Amino acid sequence: TIMGDGRVVVILDVAPLVRRQSAIVRDTTPVVVAPVVAARRVPMVMVVDDSITMRKVTGRVLERNNMEVLTAKDGVDAVEKMAERVPDLVLLDIEMPRMDGYEVAQNMKSDPRLKDVPIIMITSRTGEKHRQRAMYIGVDRYLGKPYQEPELMRNVFEMLGVSAGK
C-alpha cells in the first residue's frame, strides 16, 4: 500500500501463509497431490474519476474489501486501460475531461468484450434527467456524491454477485 507520505509499504496477509505452512507434509513419504483447483480470483474494479481524491478514497475502500483496483483519470484513460484488461465492475463519474461518463458507458455497451461489465455511476449530478439518461445507456446503479461507504459496498457486492467479506 502507499502511505500518506508517499512511502510504499508491503502488507502481508499472514493467514494464507500459516495455512500453507501447516499443509506442508514434513515426512519423506511421497505424497500424491491432487491438482489444485483454480484459486478464487479477486474481483477487479475500475474507478474512473477525474478527482485524484475520489480515486484514492474509493480505491482504498475497495482494497479494504479485498478487491483489486484499477484507476483511470478520465474517460479516454479508462477506454485505453479497458483495451488491455476487462474489469469485473466499473465505478464511473459523469463529469470528466476528454470523455465523460456517458460516453464511456456508451462505448462499453457497444463493445462485445465490455457490454456485460456492470457499471455503477457515482456523480454529483443527482437530478432525475441525469439518472434516466444513465439508465437508458445501460448503467446498472446510480449513486450520488458524496456516497456512503456501506451503500457503495452493498451495491458493489450485489453487482459482483458476491457476499460481503468473500
N, C-alpha and C. Protein backbone atom coordinates (compact mmCIF):
# COMPACT_ATOMS: atom_id res chain seq x y z
N THR A 1 0.85 -1.17 0.00
CA THR A 1 0.00 0.00 0.00
C THR A 1 0.89 1.23 0.00
N ILE A 2 0.29 2.37 -0.25
CA ILE A 2 1.04 3.63 -0.26
C ILE A 2 0.63 4.43 0.96
N MET A 3 1.62 4.83 1.74
CA MET A 3 1.38 5.61 2.94
C MET A 3 1.06 7.06 2.55
N GLY A 4 0.54 7.81 3.50
CA GLY A 4 0.19 9.20 3.27
C GLY A 4 1.36 10.05 2.82
N ASP A 5 2.57 9.70 3.26
CA ASP A 5 3.74 10.47 2.89
C ASP A 5 4.38 9.98 1.58
N GLY A 6 3.75 9.00 0.91
CA GLY A 6 4.23 8.53 -0.38
C GLY A 6 5.08 7.27 -0.33
N ARG A 7 5.47 6.83 0.89
CA ARG A 7 6.27 5.61 1.00
C ARG A 7 5.41 4.39 0.66
N VAL A 8 6.05 3.40 0.04
CA VAL A 8 5.37 2.15 -0.28
C VAL A 8 5.67 1.16 0.85
N VAL A 9 4.63 0.52 1.37
CA VAL A 9 4.78 -0.43 2.47
C VAL A 9 4.13 -1.75 2.06
N VAL A 10 4.85 -2.85 2.28
CA VAL A 10 4.30 -4.17 1.96
C VAL A 10 3.43 -4.64 3.11
N ILE A 11 2.23 -5.12 2.77
CA ILE A 11 1.32 -5.66 3.77
C ILE A 11 1.16 -7.14 3.48
N LEU A 12 1.46 -7.99 4.46
CA LEU A 12 1.32 -9.42 4.28
C LEU A 12 0.03 -9.91 4.90
N ASP A 13 -0.67 -10.77 4.18
CA ASP A 13 -1.85 -11.43 4.71
C ASP A 13 -1.33 -12.74 5.31
N VAL A 14 -1.17 -12.78 6.61
CA VAL A 14 -0.49 -13.88 7.30
C VAL A 14 -1.30 -15.17 7.28
N ALA A 15 -2.61 -15.09 7.34
CA ALA A 15 -3.43 -16.30 7.44
C ALA A 15 -3.15 -17.30 6.32
N PRO A 16 -3.12 -16.92 5.04
CA PRO A 16 -2.82 -17.91 4.00
C PRO A 16 -1.42 -18.50 4.13
N LEU A 17 -0.46 -17.68 4.59
CA LEU A 17 0.90 -18.20 4.77
C LEU A 17 0.93 -19.28 5.86
N VAL A 18 0.21 -19.04 6.94
CA VAL A 18 0.14 -20.01 8.04
C VAL A 18 -0.54 -21.29 7.56
N ARG A 19 -1.66 -21.14 6.84
CA ARG A 19 -2.36 -22.33 6.32
C ARG A 19 -1.47 -23.12 5.38
N ARG A 20 -0.74 -22.43 4.52
CA ARG A 20 0.14 -23.12 3.57
C ARG A 20 1.23 -23.86 4.30
N GLN A 21 1.83 -23.22 5.28
CA GLN A 21 2.91 -23.85 6.04
C GLN A 21 2.40 -25.08 6.79
N SER A 22 1.21 -24.99 7.37
CA SER A 22 0.67 -26.12 8.12
C SER A 22 0.28 -27.27 7.21
N ALA A 23 0.07 -26.99 5.92
CA ALA A 23 -0.32 -28.03 4.97
C ALA A 23 0.87 -28.79 4.42
N ILE A 24 2.07 -28.26 4.59
CA ILE A 24 3.27 -28.92 4.07
C ILE A 24 3.53 -30.19 4.87
N VAL A 25 3.69 -31.28 4.14
CA VAL A 25 3.97 -32.57 4.78
C VAL A 25 5.44 -32.61 5.16
N ARG A 26 5.73 -32.96 6.41
CA ARG A 26 7.09 -32.88 6.91
C ARG A 26 7.84 -34.22 6.89
N ASP A 27 7.20 -35.30 6.45
CA ASP A 27 7.94 -36.56 6.41
C ASP A 27 8.46 -36.81 5.00
N THR A 28 9.17 -37.90 4.79
CA THR A 28 9.78 -38.18 3.50
C THR A 28 8.92 -39.10 2.64
N THR A 29 7.76 -39.50 3.14
CA THR A 29 6.87 -40.35 2.37
C THR A 29 6.36 -39.59 1.16
N PRO A 30 6.46 -40.21 -0.04
CA PRO A 30 5.93 -39.50 -1.21
C PRO A 30 4.43 -39.29 -1.09
N VAL A 31 4.01 -38.17 -1.48
CA VAL A 31 2.60 -37.83 -1.35
C VAL A 31 2.06 -37.50 -2.74
N VAL A 32 0.91 -38.07 -3.08
CA VAL A 32 0.26 -37.73 -4.34
C VAL A 32 -0.66 -36.55 -4.06
N VAL A 33 -0.43 -35.50 -4.80
CA VAL A 33 -1.21 -34.29 -4.58
C VAL A 33 -2.21 -34.14 -5.71
N ALA A 34 -3.45 -33.92 -5.34
CA ALA A 34 -4.49 -33.70 -6.34
C ALA A 34 -4.24 -32.36 -7.02
N PRO A 35 -4.64 -32.24 -8.28
CA PRO A 35 -4.45 -30.95 -8.95
C PRO A 35 -5.16 -29.84 -8.18
N VAL A 36 -4.53 -28.71 -8.15
CA VAL A 36 -5.08 -27.58 -7.41
C VAL A 36 -6.20 -26.97 -8.24
N VAL A 37 -7.34 -26.79 -7.61
CA VAL A 37 -8.44 -26.12 -8.27
C VAL A 37 -8.07 -24.64 -8.34
N ALA A 38 -8.39 -24.00 -9.43
CA ALA A 38 -8.05 -22.59 -9.59
C ALA A 38 -8.52 -21.79 -8.38
N ALA A 39 -7.61 -21.03 -7.83
CA ALA A 39 -7.93 -20.22 -6.65
C ALA A 39 -8.96 -19.16 -7.03
N ARG A 40 -9.77 -18.82 -6.07
CA ARG A 40 -10.78 -17.79 -6.30
C ARG A 40 -10.07 -16.50 -6.65
N ARG A 41 -10.44 -15.94 -7.78
CA ARG A 41 -9.82 -14.71 -8.26
C ARG A 41 -10.42 -13.52 -7.53
N VAL A 42 -9.57 -12.57 -7.23
CA VAL A 42 -10.01 -11.35 -6.57
C VAL A 42 -10.70 -10.47 -7.61
N PRO A 43 -11.89 -9.94 -7.32
CA PRO A 43 -12.57 -9.09 -8.29
C PRO A 43 -11.77 -7.82 -8.58
N MET A 44 -11.75 -7.42 -9.85
CA MET A 44 -11.06 -6.20 -10.23
C MET A 44 -12.11 -5.12 -10.54
N VAL A 45 -12.00 -3.99 -9.84
CA VAL A 45 -12.93 -2.89 -10.01
C VAL A 45 -12.15 -1.69 -10.55
N MET A 46 -12.67 -1.10 -11.64
CA MET A 46 -12.05 0.11 -12.18
C MET A 46 -12.79 1.33 -11.65
N VAL A 47 -12.03 2.28 -11.11
CA VAL A 47 -12.58 3.54 -10.62
C VAL A 47 -12.19 4.63 -11.62
N VAL A 48 -13.21 5.24 -12.25
CA VAL A 48 -12.97 6.26 -13.27
C VAL A 48 -13.51 7.59 -12.74
N ASP A 49 -12.59 8.50 -12.40
CA ASP A 49 -12.98 9.80 -11.86
C ASP A 49 -11.81 10.76 -12.09
N ASP A 50 -12.11 11.99 -12.48
CA ASP A 50 -11.04 12.95 -12.71
C ASP A 50 -10.47 13.50 -11.40
N SER A 51 -11.15 13.27 -10.30
CA SER A 51 -10.66 13.72 -8.99
C SER A 51 -9.73 12.67 -8.40
N ILE A 52 -8.46 13.04 -8.21
CA ILE A 52 -7.50 12.10 -7.62
C ILE A 52 -7.93 11.69 -6.23
N THR A 53 -8.56 12.62 -5.50
CA THR A 53 -9.03 12.30 -4.15
C THR A 53 -10.09 11.21 -4.19
N MET A 54 -11.07 11.35 -5.10
CA MET A 54 -12.11 10.33 -5.22
C MET A 54 -11.52 8.98 -5.62
N ARG A 55 -10.55 8.99 -6.55
CA ARG A 55 -9.93 7.73 -6.98
C ARG A 55 -9.22 7.07 -5.81
N LYS A 56 -8.47 7.85 -5.04
CA LYS A 56 -7.72 7.28 -3.92
C LYS A 56 -8.64 6.79 -2.81
N VAL A 57 -9.60 7.61 -2.42
CA VAL A 57 -10.50 7.24 -1.32
C VAL A 57 -11.31 6.00 -1.71
N THR A 58 -11.90 6.01 -2.90
CA THR A 58 -12.70 4.87 -3.35
C THR A 58 -11.82 3.63 -3.52
N GLY A 59 -10.63 3.82 -4.06
CA GLY A 59 -9.69 2.70 -4.21
C GLY A 59 -9.36 2.05 -2.88
N ARG A 60 -9.13 2.86 -1.86
CA ARG A 60 -8.81 2.32 -0.52
C ARG A 60 -9.99 1.56 0.06
N VAL A 61 -11.21 2.08 -0.14
CA VAL A 61 -12.41 1.40 0.35
C VAL A 61 -12.50 0.01 -0.29
N LEU A 62 -12.29 -0.05 -1.60
CA LEU A 62 -12.36 -1.32 -2.31
C LEU A 62 -11.25 -2.28 -1.88
N GLU A 63 -10.04 -1.77 -1.74
CA GLU A 63 -8.92 -2.61 -1.32
C GLU A 63 -9.15 -3.18 0.08
N ARG A 64 -9.75 -2.38 0.96
CA ARG A 64 -10.05 -2.89 2.31
C ARG A 64 -11.06 -4.04 2.24
N ASN A 65 -11.81 -4.10 1.16
CA ASN A 65 -12.80 -5.16 0.97
C ASN A 65 -12.28 -6.23 0.00
N ASN A 66 -10.95 -6.37 -0.05
CA ASN A 66 -10.28 -7.44 -0.81
C ASN A 66 -10.58 -7.42 -2.30
N MET A 67 -10.47 -6.25 -2.90
CA MET A 67 -10.67 -6.13 -4.34
C MET A 67 -9.43 -5.50 -4.97
N GLU A 68 -9.15 -5.92 -6.19
CA GLU A 68 -8.08 -5.31 -6.95
C GLU A 68 -8.66 -4.03 -7.56
N VAL A 69 -7.89 -2.95 -7.53
CA VAL A 69 -8.38 -1.67 -8.02
C VAL A 69 -7.53 -1.20 -9.18
N LEU A 70 -8.21 -0.78 -10.23
CA LEU A 70 -7.58 -0.18 -11.39
C LEU A 70 -8.21 1.21 -11.51
N THR A 71 -7.40 2.25 -11.67
CA THR A 71 -7.96 3.59 -11.74
C THR A 71 -7.70 4.22 -13.10
N ALA A 72 -8.59 5.16 -13.44
CA ALA A 72 -8.45 5.94 -14.67
C ALA A 72 -8.83 7.37 -14.36
N LYS A 73 -8.07 8.32 -14.90
CA LYS A 73 -8.26 9.74 -14.57
C LYS A 73 -9.35 10.41 -15.39
N ASP A 74 -9.79 9.76 -16.46
CA ASP A 74 -10.88 10.28 -17.27
C ASP A 74 -11.35 9.18 -18.22
N GLY A 75 -12.31 9.52 -19.06
CA GLY A 75 -12.90 8.52 -19.94
C GLY A 75 -11.93 7.93 -20.95
N VAL A 76 -11.08 8.77 -21.55
CA VAL A 76 -10.12 8.27 -22.53
C VAL A 76 -9.14 7.31 -21.87
N ASP A 77 -8.66 7.67 -20.69
CA ASP A 77 -7.76 6.81 -19.93
C ASP A 77 -8.44 5.47 -19.62
N ALA A 78 -9.71 5.52 -19.25
CA ALA A 78 -10.46 4.29 -18.92
C ALA A 78 -10.58 3.39 -20.14
N VAL A 79 -10.96 3.96 -21.28
CA VAL A 79 -11.12 3.16 -22.51
C VAL A 79 -9.79 2.52 -22.90
N GLU A 80 -8.70 3.29 -22.79
CA GLU A 80 -7.37 2.74 -23.12
C GLU A 80 -7.01 1.58 -22.20
N LYS A 81 -7.27 1.72 -20.91
CA LYS A 81 -6.94 0.66 -19.97
C LYS A 81 -7.84 -0.57 -20.16
N MET A 82 -9.12 -0.33 -20.52
CA MET A 82 -10.02 -1.47 -20.73
C MET A 82 -9.71 -2.21 -22.03
N ALA A 83 -8.93 -1.60 -22.91
CA ALA A 83 -8.48 -2.30 -24.11
C ALA A 83 -7.50 -3.41 -23.72
N GLU A 84 -6.79 -3.21 -22.60
CA GLU A 84 -5.82 -4.18 -22.13
C GLU A 84 -6.41 -5.16 -21.11
N ARG A 85 -7.25 -4.67 -20.21
CA ARG A 85 -7.81 -5.50 -19.14
C ARG A 85 -9.29 -5.21 -19.00
N VAL A 86 -10.08 -6.28 -18.87
CA VAL A 86 -11.52 -6.12 -18.69
C VAL A 86 -11.83 -6.23 -17.19
N PRO A 87 -12.32 -5.15 -16.59
CA PRO A 87 -12.64 -5.21 -15.15
C PRO A 87 -13.92 -6.00 -14.90
N ASP A 88 -14.14 -6.37 -13.65
CA ASP A 88 -15.37 -7.06 -13.27
C ASP A 88 -16.49 -6.06 -13.01
N LEU A 89 -16.12 -4.81 -12.72
CA LEU A 89 -17.08 -3.77 -12.40
C LEU A 89 -16.41 -2.42 -12.65
N VAL A 90 -17.21 -1.42 -13.08
CA VAL A 90 -16.68 -0.07 -13.28
C VAL A 90 -17.48 0.90 -12.42
N LEU A 91 -16.77 1.72 -11.64
CA LEU A 91 -17.36 2.83 -10.90
C LEU A 91 -17.02 4.07 -11.71
N LEU A 92 -18.04 4.80 -12.14
CA LEU A 92 -17.86 5.81 -13.18
C LEU A 92 -18.47 7.15 -12.80
N ASP A 93 -17.67 8.21 -12.92
CA ASP A 93 -18.16 9.58 -12.74
C ASP A 93 -18.72 10.07 -14.07
N ILE A 94 -19.56 11.10 -14.04
CA ILE A 94 -20.08 11.66 -15.30
C ILE A 94 -19.18 12.78 -15.80
N GLU A 95 -18.96 13.78 -14.95
CA GLU A 95 -18.25 14.99 -15.39
C GLU A 95 -16.75 14.77 -15.37
N MET A 96 -16.17 14.58 -16.58
CA MET A 96 -14.73 14.39 -16.71
C MET A 96 -14.27 15.03 -18.02
N PRO A 97 -13.00 15.44 -18.07
CA PRO A 97 -12.48 15.98 -19.33
C PRO A 97 -12.26 14.86 -20.36
N ARG A 98 -12.09 15.25 -21.58
CA ARG A 98 -11.79 14.39 -22.73
C ARG A 98 -12.93 13.45 -23.11
N MET A 99 -13.49 12.70 -22.16
CA MET A 99 -14.63 11.82 -22.45
C MET A 99 -15.40 11.67 -21.17
N ASP A 100 -16.68 12.05 -21.18
CA ASP A 100 -17.46 11.98 -19.94
C ASP A 100 -17.98 10.57 -19.67
N GLY A 101 -18.60 10.40 -18.52
CA GLY A 101 -19.08 9.08 -18.11
C GLY A 101 -20.13 8.49 -19.02
N TYR A 102 -20.99 9.33 -19.58
CA TYR A 102 -22.00 8.83 -20.51
C TYR A 102 -21.32 8.21 -21.73
N GLU A 103 -20.30 8.90 -22.26
CA GLU A 103 -19.59 8.40 -23.44
C GLU A 103 -18.86 7.10 -23.13
N VAL A 104 -18.27 7.02 -21.94
CA VAL A 104 -17.58 5.78 -21.54
C VAL A 104 -18.59 4.64 -21.48
N ALA A 105 -19.74 4.89 -20.85
CA ALA A 105 -20.76 3.85 -20.73
C ALA A 105 -21.25 3.41 -22.10
N GLN A 106 -21.49 4.37 -23.01
CA GLN A 106 -21.93 4.02 -24.36
C GLN A 106 -20.86 3.20 -25.08
N ASN A 107 -19.61 3.58 -24.91
CA ASN A 107 -18.50 2.87 -25.51
C ASN A 107 -18.46 1.43 -25.00
N MET A 108 -18.62 1.27 -23.68
CA MET A 108 -18.59 -0.07 -23.08
C MET A 108 -19.75 -0.93 -23.59
N LYS A 109 -20.94 -0.36 -23.65
CA LYS A 109 -22.12 -1.13 -24.04
C LYS A 109 -22.08 -1.53 -25.52
N SER A 110 -21.29 -0.81 -26.33
CA SER A 110 -21.19 -1.15 -27.75
C SER A 110 -20.01 -2.08 -28.04
N ASP A 111 -19.19 -2.36 -27.04
CA ASP A 111 -18.02 -3.24 -27.20
C ASP A 111 -18.39 -4.65 -26.71
N PRO A 112 -18.31 -5.66 -27.57
CA PRO A 112 -18.68 -7.02 -27.16
C PRO A 112 -17.91 -7.53 -25.93
N ARG A 113 -16.66 -7.10 -25.75
CA ARG A 113 -15.87 -7.53 -24.59
C ARG A 113 -16.34 -6.88 -23.29
N LEU A 114 -16.93 -5.68 -23.39
CA LEU A 114 -17.25 -4.89 -22.20
C LEU A 114 -18.74 -4.75 -21.93
N LYS A 115 -19.58 -5.19 -22.86
CA LYS A 115 -21.02 -4.90 -22.75
C LYS A 115 -21.67 -5.50 -21.51
N ASP A 116 -21.10 -6.58 -20.97
CA ASP A 116 -21.69 -7.22 -19.80
C ASP A 116 -21.04 -6.78 -18.48
N VAL A 117 -20.07 -5.87 -18.55
CA VAL A 117 -19.42 -5.37 -17.32
C VAL A 117 -20.39 -4.40 -16.65
N PRO A 118 -20.76 -4.69 -15.39
CA PRO A 118 -21.69 -3.78 -14.70
C PRO A 118 -21.05 -2.41 -14.45
N ILE A 119 -21.90 -1.38 -14.47
CA ILE A 119 -21.44 -0.01 -14.25
C ILE A 119 -22.25 0.60 -13.11
N ILE A 120 -21.53 1.15 -12.13
CA ILE A 120 -22.16 1.95 -11.08
C ILE A 120 -21.69 3.38 -11.30
N MET A 121 -22.62 4.27 -11.59
CA MET A 121 -22.27 5.67 -11.80
C MET A 121 -22.31 6.37 -10.44
N ILE A 122 -21.23 7.06 -10.12
CA ILE A 122 -21.15 7.83 -8.86
C ILE A 122 -20.88 9.27 -9.26
N THR A 123 -21.86 10.14 -9.03
CA THR A 123 -21.76 11.50 -9.55
C THR A 123 -22.45 12.52 -8.65
N SER A 124 -22.04 13.76 -8.82
CA SER A 124 -22.72 14.84 -8.10
C SER A 124 -23.99 15.26 -8.85
N ARG A 125 -24.16 14.80 -10.06
CA ARG A 125 -25.38 15.08 -10.84
C ARG A 125 -26.48 14.11 -10.39
N THR A 126 -27.25 14.55 -9.43
CA THR A 126 -28.26 13.65 -8.85
C THR A 126 -29.66 13.89 -9.41
N GLY A 127 -29.79 14.78 -10.38
CA GLY A 127 -31.10 15.06 -10.97
C GLY A 127 -31.66 13.85 -11.72
N GLU A 128 -32.98 13.81 -11.80
CA GLU A 128 -33.66 12.67 -12.42
C GLU A 128 -33.31 12.54 -13.91
N LYS A 129 -33.13 13.66 -14.62
CA LYS A 129 -32.81 13.55 -16.05
C LYS A 129 -31.45 12.89 -16.27
N HIS A 130 -30.50 13.15 -15.37
CA HIS A 130 -29.18 12.52 -15.48
C HIS A 130 -29.27 11.02 -15.18
N ARG A 131 -30.03 10.68 -14.15
CA ARG A 131 -30.24 9.28 -13.79
C ARG A 131 -30.91 8.52 -14.95
N GLN A 132 -31.95 9.13 -15.52
CA GLN A 132 -32.66 8.47 -16.62
C GLN A 132 -31.76 8.26 -17.83
N ARG A 133 -30.96 9.27 -18.14
CA ARG A 133 -30.03 9.13 -19.28
C ARG A 133 -29.05 7.99 -19.04
N ALA A 134 -28.52 7.91 -17.82
CA ALA A 134 -27.57 6.85 -17.47
C ALA A 134 -28.24 5.48 -17.58
N MET A 135 -29.45 5.35 -17.07
CA MET A 135 -30.15 4.07 -17.11
C MET A 135 -30.49 3.68 -18.56
N TYR A 136 -30.82 4.67 -19.38
CA TYR A 136 -31.12 4.42 -20.79
C TYR A 136 -29.90 3.84 -21.51
N ILE A 137 -28.72 4.36 -21.17
CA ILE A 137 -27.48 3.88 -21.78
C ILE A 137 -27.18 2.45 -21.33
N GLY A 138 -27.60 2.10 -20.11
CA GLY A 138 -27.35 0.75 -19.62
C GLY A 138 -26.59 0.70 -18.31
N VAL A 139 -26.46 1.85 -17.64
CA VAL A 139 -25.81 1.88 -16.32
C VAL A 139 -26.68 1.08 -15.35
N ASP A 140 -26.03 0.28 -14.49
CA ASP A 140 -26.76 -0.62 -13.59
C ASP A 140 -27.22 0.06 -12.30
N ARG A 141 -26.39 0.90 -11.73
CA ARG A 141 -26.73 1.61 -10.49
C ARG A 141 -26.28 3.05 -10.60
N TYR A 142 -26.91 3.92 -9.82
CA TYR A 142 -26.63 5.36 -9.89
C TYR A 142 -26.58 5.88 -8.47
N LEU A 143 -25.41 6.32 -8.03
CA LEU A 143 -25.23 6.84 -6.67
C LEU A 143 -24.79 8.30 -6.72
N GLY A 144 -25.23 9.07 -5.73
CA GLY A 144 -24.83 10.46 -5.63
C GLY A 144 -23.55 10.62 -4.82
N LYS A 145 -22.84 11.72 -5.10
CA LYS A 145 -21.67 12.09 -4.29
C LYS A 145 -22.13 13.11 -3.27
N PRO A 146 -21.60 13.08 -2.08
CA PRO A 146 -20.69 12.06 -1.58
C PRO A 146 -21.47 10.78 -1.26
N TYR A 147 -20.86 9.64 -1.54
CA TYR A 147 -21.52 8.37 -1.27
C TYR A 147 -21.23 7.93 0.16
N GLN A 148 -22.10 7.07 0.67
CA GLN A 148 -21.86 6.46 1.98
C GLN A 148 -21.18 5.12 1.73
N GLU A 149 -20.07 4.86 2.41
CA GLU A 149 -19.29 3.64 2.18
C GLU A 149 -20.13 2.36 2.25
N PRO A 150 -20.99 2.19 3.28
CA PRO A 150 -21.79 0.95 3.31
C PRO A 150 -22.71 0.80 2.09
N GLU A 151 -23.28 1.91 1.63
CA GLU A 151 -24.15 1.85 0.46
C GLU A 151 -23.34 1.49 -0.79
N LEU A 152 -22.17 2.09 -0.94
CA LEU A 152 -21.32 1.78 -2.08
C LEU A 152 -20.97 0.30 -2.08
N MET A 153 -20.50 -0.21 -0.93
CA MET A 153 -20.05 -1.61 -0.88
C MET A 153 -21.22 -2.57 -1.07
N ARG A 154 -22.39 -2.22 -0.57
CA ARG A 154 -23.57 -3.09 -0.79
C ARG A 154 -23.82 -3.21 -2.29
N ASN A 155 -23.78 -2.08 -2.99
CA ASN A 155 -24.01 -2.08 -4.44
C ASN A 155 -22.90 -2.82 -5.18
N VAL A 156 -21.66 -2.62 -4.77
CA VAL A 156 -20.52 -3.31 -5.41
C VAL A 156 -20.68 -4.83 -5.24
N PHE A 157 -20.93 -5.27 -4.01
CA PHE A 157 -21.08 -6.71 -3.76
C PHE A 157 -22.25 -7.29 -4.56
N GLU A 158 -23.37 -6.56 -4.62
CA GLU A 158 -24.52 -7.04 -5.39
C GLU A 158 -24.19 -7.14 -6.87
N MET A 159 -23.51 -6.14 -7.42
CA MET A 159 -23.17 -6.15 -8.84
C MET A 159 -22.16 -7.25 -9.17
N LEU A 160 -21.27 -7.55 -8.23
CA LEU A 160 -20.28 -8.61 -8.46
C LEU A 160 -20.85 -9.99 -8.16
N GLY A 161 -22.02 -10.02 -7.50
CA GLY A 161 -22.63 -11.30 -7.17
C GLY A 161 -21.88 -12.04 -6.07
N VAL A 162 -21.27 -11.29 -5.16
CA VAL A 162 -20.56 -11.90 -4.03
C VAL A 162 -21.13 -11.34 -2.74
N SER A 163 -20.96 -12.08 -1.67
CA SER A 163 -21.40 -11.57 -0.38
C SER A 163 -20.24 -10.85 0.29
N ALA A 164 -20.56 -9.96 1.19
CA ALA A 164 -19.54 -9.15 1.88
C ALA A 164 -18.55 -10.06 2.56
N GLY A 165 -17.26 -9.71 2.42
CA GLY A 165 -16.21 -10.44 3.09
C GLY A 165 -15.76 -11.70 2.37
N LYS A 166 -16.30 -11.99 1.20
CA LYS A 166 -15.91 -13.20 0.46
C LYS A 166 -14.81 -12.87 -0.52
